[in-house]
Amino acid sequence: MATIGTFKKSGTNEFSGEIVTLSLQAKNVRIAPDARASGENAPSHRVFVGRIEIGAAWSKQSNEGRAYLGLKLDDPSFTAPIYANLFGDEEGEGYSLSRPTRRNGD
């Protein structure tokens, strides 16, 4: 997986950090719980840069039982949406935002 962001927990189920790729450098990124979420497919979180919403996230669980957030980031300046996963680091101090590795045929 390619790491494209680093985050810290900044509240109950809220995260703040930055996303850096070759074409995107965003600081003050906030992943906040969505209080208005309704329905089983609704996102559990919204992703903001400053006041601008750039994506959504869904609470998920890995095959190993590890909780994580699956993000979809989108903006008119992107050529296509960015899909990434936010997992807690092994040390337990921070969180890494990573793009899943593509498999042949994907």
Protein backbone atom coordinates (compact mmCIF):
# COMPACT_ATOMS: atom_id res chain seq x y z
CA MET A 1 0.00 0.00 0.00
CA ALA A 2 1.13 3.52 -0.77
CA THR A 3 0.82 5.84 2.24
CA ILE A 4 -0.64 9.19 1.20
CA GLY A 5 -1.52 10.69 4.58
CA THR A 6 -0.84 10.77 8.29
CA PHE A 7 -3.40 11.48 10.99
CA LYS A 8 -3.82 11.74 14.75
CA LYS A 9 -6.99 11.23 16.76
CA SER A 10 -8.34 14.67 17.66
CA GLY A 11 -11.55 13.79 19.44
CA THR A 12 -13.98 10.99 19.93
CA ASN A 13 -13.83 9.17 16.61
CA GLU A 14 -12.42 12.28 14.85
CA PHE A 15 -9.05 12.57 13.10
CA SER A 16 -6.87 15.43 11.84
CA GLY A 17 -3.80 15.38 9.62
CA GLU A 18 -2.58 15.84 6.08
CA ILE A 19 -2.75 14.18 2.67
CA VAL A 20 0.20 14.44 0.29
CA THR A 21 0.44 13.00 -3.23
CA LEU A 22 2.20 14.23 -6.36
CA SER A 23 -0.85 16.32 -7.28
CA LEU A 24 -2.47 16.97 -3.88
CA GLN A 25 -0.96 18.65 -0.82
CA ALA A 26 -3.67 19.19 1.79
CA LYS A 27 -2.99 20.21 5.37
CA ASN A 28 -5.66 20.67 8.05
CA VAL A 29 -7.59 17.64 6.81
CA ARG A 30 -10.31 16.59 9.22
CA ILE A 31 -12.23 13.33 9.25
CA ALA A 32 -15.31 13.96 11.40
CA PRO A 33 -18.25 11.73 12.38
CA ASP A 34 -21.37 12.44 10.35
CA ALA A 35 -24.17 13.14 12.84
CA ARG A 36 -26.78 13.16 10.09
CA ALA A 37 -25.87 9.69 8.74
CA SER A 38 -28.91 7.52 8.17
CA GLY A 39 -29.32 4.21 6.40
CA GLU A 40 -26.97 1.26 6.36
CA ASN A 41 -24.97 2.49 3.34
CA ALA A 42 -24.58 6.07 4.57
CA PRO A 43 -21.03 7.22 5.35
CA SER A 44 -20.07 7.26 9.02
CA HIS A 45 -17.68 10.23 8.54
CA ARG A 46 -17.14 13.24 6.28
CA VAL A 47 -13.71 14.47 5.12
CA PHE A 48 -12.95 18.21 5.16
CA VAL A 49 -10.07 20.48 4.18
CA GLY A 50 -10.82 23.62 6.11
CA ARG A 51 -14.58 24.11 5.57
CA ILE A 52 -14.67 22.33 2.21
CA GLU A 53 -15.98 18.76 2.14
CA ILE A 54 -13.79 16.60 -0.12
CA GLY A 55 -15.02 13.12 0.70
CA ALA A 56 -16.71 10.57 2.89
CA ALA A 57 -15.66 7.56 4.95
CA TRP A 58 -17.31 4.32 6.02
CA SER A 59 -16.50 2.28 9.14
CA LYS A 60 -15.22 -1.14 8.12
CA GLN A 61 -13.51 -4.17 9.59
CA SER A 62 -10.64 -6.15 8.07
CA ASN A 63 -10.64 -9.94 7.72
CA GLU A 64 -8.43 -9.98 10.84
CA GLY A 65 -11.05 -8.04 12.82
CA ARG A 66 -9.18 -4.72 12.73
CA ALA A 67 -11.39 -1.60 12.53
CA TYR A 68 -10.59 1.00 9.87
CA LEU A 69 -12.19 3.70 7.74
CA GLY A 70 -12.62 3.31 3.98
CA LEU A 71 -12.43 6.75 2.33
CA LYS A 72 -13.56 8.11 -1.00
CA LEU A 73 -12.03 11.51 -1.76
CA ASP A 74 -13.37 13.54 -4.66
CA ASP A 75 -12.98 17.06 -5.95
CA PRO A 76 -13.50 18.69 -9.36
CA SER A 77 -9.71 19.12 -9.60
CA PHE A 78 -9.15 15.32 -9.40
CA THR A 79 -9.11 13.30 -12.62
CA ALA A 80 -10.82 10.48 -10.70
CA PRO A 81 -11.89 9.80 -7.09
CA ILE A 82 -9.20 8.59 -4.70
CA TYR A 83 -9.99 5.51 -2.63
CA ALA A 84 -7.93 4.93 0.52
CA ASN A 85 -8.05 3.26 3.94
CA LEU A 86 -7.26 4.81 7.33
CA PHE A 87 -5.67 2.28 9.71
CA GLY A 88 -4.17 2.77 13.15
CA ASP A 89 -0.37 2.46 13.14
CA GLU A 90 1.18 -0.61 14.76
CA GLU A 91 2.64 1.60 17.53
CA GLY A 92 -0.86 2.86 18.32
CA GLU A 93 0.12 6.55 18.23
CA GLY A 94 -1.08 7.66 14.82
CA TYR A 95 -3.04 6.64 11.75
CA SER A 96 -1.91 6.12 8.16
CA LEU A 97 -4.01 6.80 5.08
CA SER A 98 -3.02 4.34 2.37
CA ARG A 99 -4.17 3.54 -1.13
CA PRO A 100 -4.78 -0.17 -1.66
CA THR A 101 -2.30 -1.90 -3.95
CA ARG A 102 -3.78 -2.68 -7.32
CA ARG A 103 -3.87 -6.28 -8.39
CA ASN A 104 -3.37 -7.38 -11.99
CA GLY A 105 -6.63 -7.04 -13.86
CA ASP A 106 -8.02 -4.26 -11.63
